[in-house]
Every structure is written in C-alpha cells, then in structure tokens.
Amino acid sequence: MNPSSPRHSGPIDEALLVVPVEQATSSDGSTKTLWRLHDGNQVESLSFTLGGDGSTAVPDERIATPVRDSRGHVVCVSSQAGCNVACRFCATGLQPMRRDLTAEEMVAQVRRTRVLEERTTPTRVIFAGMGEPLLNLEEVLRAVSLLESDPGVAHISVSTMGVLPALDTLTEQAPSVDLFLSLHATTDEVRTRLIPLNRANPIAELLRAAERFARAHGRVIDVSYLLFNGVNDDDADADRLIGLLDPRYFRVQLLLWNDVPGLPFSRVEEDVVERFRDRLVAGGLPTYIMPSKARDIDGGCGQMLTEAAKEHRVNRANKAMLPLV
C-alpha cells in the first residue's frame, strides 16, 4: 500500500505547497521544474507547447464526439513522489516510493507553473509525470474537480498503465477527462516483463475496461506505445496491435524511448517508427508519432528522477528483459 496523502484543512497557500527548487529549459522550449513539497519530498513537472491553438479536433464519423488533441500549452503533473509500479524502462520507477500527493499539491503544480511562466492562454493538464494516477485515484479525482473549475485550465487528461478496477471508477466519476492508456506491448508475456503491474491487469481486461470508457463518453482513447529496439517494434507486433485495437475506440500514439542510463534498452531509429506507423495506418488503425520533449534536460517521458536510483530495481530490469534485448 502506498503511503497516504497528508490531507490539508483550511486555507492553503499554494506558494508554500510546492516550492520551485530548480528549473531547466530544453532546446525545444520545454521547461522542467523541480518542486519541493512541504515535508521535504520532491517531484517534477514539465511545461511545453504543442503546435496548434488548442482547439484542434480530429473528426471521426464513428464516434459521437471527436477526440480532442492536447495542443497549445501543456503541463505534465506528478501525482506521487516516486512510483511503485517499477516499469523496467522508467527512471521514476528506479527510485523509492515516498507518498501520494494531495489534490492541492497537484493543482498547485499547474497554477504555480502558469504564474512562473506568466501564461495567459488556457493550459491543458495531463497527469503523466511521476507516479501512477490510478494508484492515487481519490486525490486525482479531487484534483480533476478543482482544475475543472479553474478558468486557466482548458482540458484535462489522465495517462495510466492501467489499474483495475480503478479504471472503471475513473469512467464513472471523471467523464470530462481524456484517457491515455500506456500499452507498450502486444502480448502479456512481453508486457509483464516491461510492466510488472500487467500480472494483475492483463491486456485483454484493460482493453475491455478502456472500451467501456470510450463507449460511455463517446471519445476515442489514445493508446501510448513506446517502441524499444528489438523488443516490440517488428511487423508482427504491428499486426497484433491492429488485431487488439478497435479503431472505433482507439488510436495509437507512438513514442520513442528516452535514454535512462543503466537500463537495457535502446532507442529505435526514426525510419523504424515511421515504418511501424505506416503499417498500423494501412491496417486501418489511426496512428500518430508523438515528438519527444525535453530529452536534453531529462524531462522526457520516463526520465523524471528526483532521488538516487535503486540498484536492485536496475538489476531487476536487466534480468527481466533477458534474452529479449
């Protein structure tokens, strides 16, 4: 069980809830902020901009409501200090799990970022920083409720590895959010090696729950698929993905792995991800490639790390992926 969030009562000074300790700016314009919490724990968030004015929608005649693109200014927030999921490819999972964040601490990351960066246009928020949002679901739902009433917030998304039955609770209690489901493999054998959580949340059950979300809210779900050289990037994987995902409910977001020292993976070449995308599209599955952000400041997906990596977790990652890589 994760350490519980310290609940706050009475008026809260957001400037004290999360204090910026350090900021780093990437060559692509992204900004990573290291925040110190009131108890000394630390988390990171990332602020970046995607092309477009934030109002772009992708029309699709097969669903009632078009999927909404997270364009314009985006803040990627953390929901936990550390992470217990221990994905083999993720820097955050190499460090100790300290505690869940409160809703107020999550919201403060967004509002304080907007103040520090003097943002005037609405911000899109995605719960995709440190931690697994569905393992801190009560506080994440409270944060969503608070952010929905904030005029500075345009839209909210939740990115998850998939936790049951929490995913069904999200479906019931957060109808306004968009869902990103991190899949990263097309068989349970490979996914369990990459994501130990898969043992209790296998692919077929996750996709059924995700379809329930899509049908309930009339929006497609973005399936995040992180390509690893020699692990999940061949034509057979693409064909299995086409078979797994119903294009009425899913589209695919392809990601390239961001280097984490000591882990047994390598980044695929650009032509590999383009070939993979083209095969999915030819098979009728809507697919786009998400550009890596903030790699040069260790702010990309899977790179957030505020404490020394745990050696035993690095060793487990290497052992789990043999002989795949």
Protein backbone atom coordinates (compact mmCIF):
# COMPACT_ATOMS: atom_id res chain seq x y z
CA MET A 1 0.00 0.00 0.00
CA ASN A 2 1.25 3.47 -0.84
CA PRO A 3 1.82 5.95 1.98
CA SER A 4 -1.31 8.05 2.20
CA SER A 5 -1.52 11.66 1.19
CA PRO A 6 -1.34 14.22 4.01
CA ARG A 7 -4.78 15.84 3.82
CA HIS A 8 -4.92 19.59 4.24
CA SER A 9 -7.60 21.53 6.06
CA GLY A 10 -8.39 25.21 5.97
CA PRO A 11 -6.99 27.81 3.55
CA ILE A 12 -3.86 26.72 1.68
CA ASP A 13 -1.06 28.92 0.38
CA GLU A 14 -0.12 27.29 -2.92
CA ALA A 15 3.22 29.09 -2.87
CA LEU A 16 4.12 27.01 0.20
CA LEU A 17 2.58 23.76 -1.02
CA VAL A 18 5.02 23.40 -3.90
CA VAL A 19 8.18 25.50 -3.93
CA PRO A 20 10.27 25.66 -7.12
CA VAL A 21 13.78 24.47 -6.33
CA GLU A 22 15.24 24.34 -9.81
CA GLN A 23 14.17 24.91 -13.40
CA ALA A 24 15.79 23.69 -16.60
CA THR A 25 14.89 24.75 -20.13
CA SER A 26 15.24 22.41 -23.07
CA SER A 27 16.42 23.35 -26.54
CA ASP A 28 12.84 22.65 -27.69
CA GLY A 29 11.48 25.28 -25.28
CA SER A 30 10.13 22.87 -22.68
CA THR A 31 10.69 23.70 -19.01
CA LYS A 32 11.17 21.13 -16.28
CA THR A 33 10.53 22.27 -12.71
CA LEU A 34 11.72 20.52 -9.58
CA TRP A 35 9.27 21.21 -6.74
CA ARG A 36 9.89 20.80 -3.02
CA LEU A 37 6.82 19.74 -1.07
CA HIS A 38 6.10 20.94 2.47
CA ASP A 39 7.57 17.76 4.01
CA GLY A 40 10.81 17.90 2.00
CA ASN A 41 9.83 15.37 -0.67
CA GLN A 42 10.36 16.42 -4.27
CA VAL A 43 8.56 15.94 -7.57
CA GLU A 44 8.99 17.20 -11.11
CA SER A 45 6.60 18.62 -13.68
CA LEU A 46 7.08 19.56 -17.33
CA SER A 47 5.68 22.53 -19.22
CA PHE A 48 5.74 22.50 -23.01
CA THR A 49 3.88 23.65 -26.10
CA LEU A 50 2.49 21.58 -28.95
CA GLY A 51 1.64 23.09 -32.32
CA GLY A 52 -1.83 24.49 -32.85
CA ASP A 53 -4.09 26.82 -30.94
CA GLY A 54 -5.54 24.24 -28.59
CA SER A 55 -8.88 23.99 -30.39
CA THR A 56 -7.97 21.32 -32.94
CA ALA A 57 -10.27 18.32 -33.04
CA VAL A 58 -9.94 15.14 -35.06
CA PRO A 59 -13.28 14.40 -36.74
CA ASP A 60 -14.38 10.78 -36.81
CA GLU A 61 -17.80 9.72 -38.05
CA ARG A 62 -17.70 6.52 -35.97
CA ILE A 63 -17.92 8.21 -32.58
CA ALA A 64 -20.32 10.73 -31.10
CA THR A 65 -17.68 13.24 -30.01
CA PRO A 66 -14.34 13.90 -31.75
CA VAL A 67 -11.19 13.17 -29.82
CA ARG A 68 -9.56 16.34 -28.55
CA ASP A 69 -5.90 16.96 -29.27
CA SER A 70 -3.77 18.21 -26.37
CA ARG A 71 -2.34 21.15 -28.28
CA GLY A 72 -1.19 24.54 -27.10
CA HIS A 73 0.35 24.90 -23.64
CA VAL A 74 0.55 21.66 -21.69
CA VAL A 75 1.61 20.94 -18.10
CA CYS A 76 2.51 17.35 -17.26
CA VAL A 77 2.00 16.95 -13.50
CA SER A 78 3.09 14.37 -10.95
CA SER A 79 0.59 12.52 -8.76
CA GLN A 80 3.06 10.68 -6.49
CA ALA A 81 6.52 11.28 -5.06
CA GLY A 82 8.19 8.21 -6.53
CA CYS A 83 6.35 5.25 -8.03
CA ASN A 84 5.63 1.67 -7.01
CA VAL A 85 4.81 0.38 -10.50
CA ALA A 86 8.52 -0.11 -11.25
CA CYS A 87 8.25 -0.20 -15.05
CA ARG A 88 11.53 -1.61 -16.31
CA PHE A 89 12.15 1.30 -18.69
CA CYS A 90 11.32 4.23 -16.40
CA ALA A 91 13.70 6.31 -14.28
CA THR A 92 10.96 7.24 -11.81
CA GLY A 93 10.37 3.58 -11.07
CA LEU A 94 14.02 3.14 -10.08
CA GLN A 95 13.68 5.39 -7.05
CA PRO A 96 11.88 4.88 -3.73
CA MET A 97 8.16 5.47 -3.42
CA ARG A 98 7.66 8.19 -0.82
CA ARG A 99 3.96 9.07 -0.79
CA ASP A 100 0.87 10.06 -2.71
CA LEU A 101 0.36 13.73 -3.46
CA THR A 102 -2.74 15.58 -2.35
CA ALA A 103 -5.11 17.11 -4.86
CA GLU A 104 -3.96 20.55 -3.75
CA GLU A 105 -0.32 19.69 -4.45
CA MET A 106 -1.20 18.51 -7.96
CA VAL A 107 -3.27 21.59 -8.69
CA ALA A 108 -0.52 23.83 -7.32
CA GLN A 109 1.96 22.44 -9.88
CA VAL A 110 -0.32 23.74 -12.63
CA ARG A 111 -1.17 27.10 -11.11
CA ARG A 112 2.35 27.87 -9.97
CA THR A 113 3.71 26.97 -13.42
CA ARG A 114 1.28 29.38 -15.03
CA VAL A 115 2.37 32.15 -12.65
CA LEU A 116 6.10 31.48 -13.06
CA GLU A 117 5.82 31.41 -16.85
CA GLU A 118 3.30 34.28 -16.99
CA ARG A 119 0.86 32.20 -19.03
CA THR A 120 -2.32 33.94 -20.14
CA THR A 121 -3.83 31.38 -22.51
CA PRO A 122 -5.55 28.30 -21.04
CA THR A 123 -3.42 25.30 -20.12
CA ARG A 124 -4.06 21.66 -20.88
CA VAL A 125 -3.18 19.38 -17.99
CA ILE A 126 -2.08 15.78 -18.24
CA PHE A 127 -1.47 13.51 -15.27
CA ALA A 128 1.60 11.81 -16.74
CA GLY A 129 4.50 12.89 -14.55
CA MET A 130 5.88 10.94 -11.62
CA GLY A 131 3.62 8.21 -10.25
CA GLU A 132 0.62 6.18 -11.40
CA PRO A 133 -2.52 8.33 -11.17
CA LEU A 134 -4.90 5.40 -10.70
CA LEU A 135 -2.98 4.28 -7.61
CA ASN A 136 -3.84 7.64 -6.07
CA LEU A 137 -7.29 7.83 -7.57
CA GLU A 138 -9.21 9.60 -4.79
CA GLU A 139 -6.83 12.57 -4.78
CA VAL A 140 -6.53 12.63 -8.58
CA LEU A 141 -10.33 12.82 -8.85
CA ARG A 142 -10.37 15.70 -6.36
CA ALA A 143 -7.64 17.43 -8.38
CA VAL A 144 -9.64 16.98 -11.58
CA SER A 145 -12.67 18.55 -9.89
CA LEU A 146 -10.62 21.53 -8.73
CA LEU A 147 -8.99 22.02 -12.12
CA GLU A 148 -12.30 21.81 -13.99
CA SER A 149 -13.45 24.98 -12.20
CA ASP A 150 -10.18 26.82 -12.91
CA PRO A 151 -10.55 29.34 -15.77
CA GLY A 152 -6.86 28.89 -16.59
CA VAL A 153 -7.33 25.22 -17.45
CA ALA A 154 -8.66 24.23 -20.86
CA HIS A 155 -8.72 20.46 -20.65
CA ILE A 156 -7.54 17.51 -18.53
CA SER A 157 -6.13 14.11 -19.50
CA VAL A 158 -5.07 11.13 -17.40
CA SER A 159 -2.30 8.79 -18.53
CA THR A 160 -2.19 5.36 -16.91
CA MET A 161 -0.51 1.99 -17.17
CA GLY A 162 -3.93 0.56 -16.35
CA VAL A 163 -5.21 -0.38 -12.90
CA LEU A 164 -8.40 -2.35 -12.37
CA PRO A 165 -11.00 -1.66 -11.07
CA ALA A 166 -9.79 1.94 -10.70
CA LEU A 167 -10.14 2.47 -14.45
CA ASP A 168 -13.88 1.78 -14.20
CA THR A 169 -14.12 4.22 -11.30
CA LEU A 170 -12.44 6.87 -13.46
CA THR A 171 -15.02 6.14 -16.16
CA GLU A 172 -17.86 6.69 -13.70
CA GLN A 173 -16.54 9.73 -11.86
CA ALA A 174 -14.48 11.72 -14.38
CA PRO A 175 -16.49 11.91 -17.60
CA SER A 176 -14.74 15.06 -18.81
CA VAL A 177 -11.18 13.75 -18.93
CA ASP A 178 -9.46 12.16 -21.89
CA LEU A 179 -7.67 8.87 -21.35
CA PHE A 180 -4.19 7.79 -22.40
CA LEU A 181 -3.56 4.08 -21.86
CA SER A 182 0.10 3.03 -21.89
CA LEU A 183 0.24 -0.39 -23.54
CA HIS A 184 3.81 -0.76 -24.87
CA ALA A 185 3.45 -4.44 -25.85
CA THR A 186 1.13 -6.74 -27.78
CA THR A 187 1.48 -9.90 -25.65
CA ASP A 188 1.09 -10.37 -21.91
CA GLU A 189 4.48 -12.10 -21.74
CA VAL A 190 6.36 -9.07 -23.07
CA ARG A 191 4.19 -6.52 -21.28
CA THR A 192 4.69 -8.23 -17.93
CA ARG A 193 8.44 -8.07 -18.43
CA LEU A 194 8.18 -4.37 -19.16
CA ILE A 195 5.42 -3.56 -16.65
CA PRO A 196 5.10 -5.91 -13.64
CA LEU A 197 1.64 -4.43 -12.96
CA ASN A 198 0.43 -6.35 -16.01
CA ARG A 199 0.30 -9.59 -13.98
CA ALA A 200 -2.82 -8.31 -12.23
CA ASN A 201 -4.03 -6.16 -15.12
CA PRO A 202 -3.61 -8.16 -18.35
CA ILE A 203 -4.03 -6.65 -21.79
CA ALA A 204 -7.44 -8.12 -22.64
CA GLU A 205 -9.03 -6.94 -19.39
CA LEU A 206 -7.51 -3.46 -19.69
CA LEU A 207 -8.74 -3.02 -23.24
CA ARG A 208 -12.25 -4.12 -22.27
CA ALA A 209 -12.27 -1.53 -19.48
CA ALA A 210 -10.88 1.11 -21.84
CA GLU A 211 -13.61 0.34 -24.38
CA ARG A 212 -16.18 0.89 -21.64
CA PHE A 213 -14.64 4.33 -21.07
CA ALA A 214 -14.77 5.14 -24.79
CA ARG A 215 -18.37 4.00 -25.20
CA ALA A 216 -19.51 5.80 -22.05
CA HIS A 217 -18.08 9.16 -23.12
CA GLY A 218 -18.13 8.98 -26.92
CA ARG A 219 -14.41 9.66 -27.30
CA VAL A 220 -11.55 7.57 -28.59
CA ILE A 221 -8.67 6.63 -26.31
CA ASP A 222 -5.03 7.29 -27.09
CA VAL A 223 -3.02 4.10 -26.66
CA SER A 224 0.57 5.05 -25.92
CA TYR A 225 3.03 2.61 -27.46
CA LEU A 226 6.68 3.12 -26.58
CA LEU A 227 8.97 1.47 -29.12
CA PHE A 228 12.04 -0.43 -27.90
CA ASN A 229 14.66 -1.65 -30.30
CA GLY A 230 14.28 -5.41 -30.76
CA VAL A 231 11.54 -5.78 -28.13
CA ASN A 232 8.21 -4.61 -29.57
CA ASP A 233 8.99 -2.95 -32.88
CA ASP A 234 8.63 -5.56 -35.63
CA ASP A 235 5.88 -6.17 -38.18
CA ALA A 236 4.36 -8.96 -36.08
CA ASP A 237 3.88 -6.51 -33.20
CA ALA A 238 2.22 -4.03 -35.53
CA ASP A 239 -0.11 -6.70 -36.87
CA ARG A 240 -1.03 -7.86 -33.35
CA LEU A 241 -1.74 -4.26 -32.34
CA ILE A 242 -4.10 -3.90 -35.30
CA GLY A 243 -5.89 -7.04 -34.10
CA LEU A 244 -6.11 -5.84 -30.50
CA LEU A 245 -7.43 -2.32 -31.03
CA ASP A 246 -10.82 -1.45 -32.46
CA PRO A 247 -10.42 1.84 -34.38
CA ARG A 248 -13.88 2.89 -33.22
CA TYR A 249 -12.46 3.26 -29.72
CA PHE A 250 -8.68 3.61 -30.03
CA ARG A 251 -5.94 5.46 -31.84
CA VAL A 252 -2.23 4.91 -31.31
CA GLN A 253 0.35 7.40 -30.05
CA LEU A 254 3.82 6.12 -30.93
CA LEU A 255 6.66 7.20 -28.65
CA LEU A 256 10.42 6.76 -28.85
CA TRP A 257 12.18 5.67 -25.67
CA ASN A 258 14.18 8.35 -23.88
CA ASP A 259 17.54 7.09 -22.63
CA VAL A 260 17.86 6.16 -18.96
CA PRO A 261 21.42 5.15 -18.01
CA GLY A 262 21.81 1.57 -16.82
CA LEU A 263 18.62 0.22 -18.37
CA PRO A 264 18.76 -2.49 -21.06
CA PHE A 265 17.05 -0.67 -23.91
CA SER A 266 17.98 1.33 -26.97
CA ARG A 267 16.06 3.94 -28.91
CA VAL A 268 14.71 2.90 -32.30
CA GLU A 269 15.69 4.80 -35.44
CA GLU A 270 13.27 7.27 -36.99
CA ASP A 271 12.68 5.05 -40.03
CA VAL A 272 11.59 2.19 -37.74
CA VAL A 273 8.89 4.24 -36.05
CA GLU A 274 7.73 5.59 -39.41
CA ARG A 275 7.51 2.06 -40.85
CA PHE A 276 5.58 0.92 -37.77
CA ARG A 277 3.18 3.85 -38.09
CA ASP A 278 2.62 3.23 -41.79
CA ARG A 279 1.79 -0.44 -41.16
CA LEU A 280 -0.75 0.48 -38.48
CA VAL A 281 -2.38 3.09 -40.70
CA ALA A 282 -2.51 0.64 -43.61
CA GLY A 283 -4.28 -1.77 -41.26
CA GLY A 284 -6.96 0.82 -40.52
CA LEU A 285 -5.68 1.99 -37.12
CA PRO A 286 -5.37 5.79 -36.66
CA THR A 287 -1.78 6.46 -35.57
CA TYR A 288 0.45 9.45 -34.93
CA ILE A 289 4.02 9.89 -33.73
CA MET A 290 4.44 11.99 -30.59
CA PRO A 291 7.65 14.03 -30.67
CA SER A 292 9.98 13.56 -27.71
CA LYS A 293 10.10 16.57 -25.42
CA ALA A 294 12.85 17.77 -23.09
CA ARG A 295 15.20 14.82 -23.65
CA ASP A 296 18.26 17.04 -23.21
CA ILE A 297 17.18 18.01 -19.66
CA ASP A 298 15.97 14.55 -18.60
CA GLY A 299 12.40 15.75 -18.70
CA GLY A 300 11.03 13.36 -21.31
CA CYS A 301 8.62 10.51 -20.69
CA GLY A 302 10.17 8.07 -18.23
CA GLN A 303 13.14 10.30 -17.38
CA MET A 304 11.89 12.06 -14.25
CA LEU A 305 14.08 11.20 -11.28
CA THR A 306 14.44 13.17 -8.02
CA GLU A 307 16.32 10.62 -5.92
CA ALA A 308 19.13 8.14 -6.50
CA ALA A 309 18.04 5.11 -8.49
CA LYS A 310 17.68 1.88 -6.54
CA GLU A 311 20.32 -0.58 -7.74
CA HIS A 312 18.09 -3.60 -7.15
CA ARG A 313 15.45 -2.14 -9.46
CA VAL A 314 18.06 -1.58 -12.18
CA ASN A 315 19.19 -5.20 -11.77
CA ARG A 316 15.59 -6.45 -11.95
CA ALA A 317 15.07 -4.52 -15.19
CA ASN A 318 18.13 -6.08 -16.78
CA LYS A 319 17.22 -9.58 -15.59
CA ALA A 320 13.58 -9.28 -16.69
CA MET A 321 14.49 -8.31 -20.26
CA LEU A 322 16.91 -11.16 -20.90
CA PRO A 323 17.03 -12.60 -23.50
CA LEU A 324 14.74 -10.12 -25.29
CA VAL A 325 17.42 -7.45 -25.59
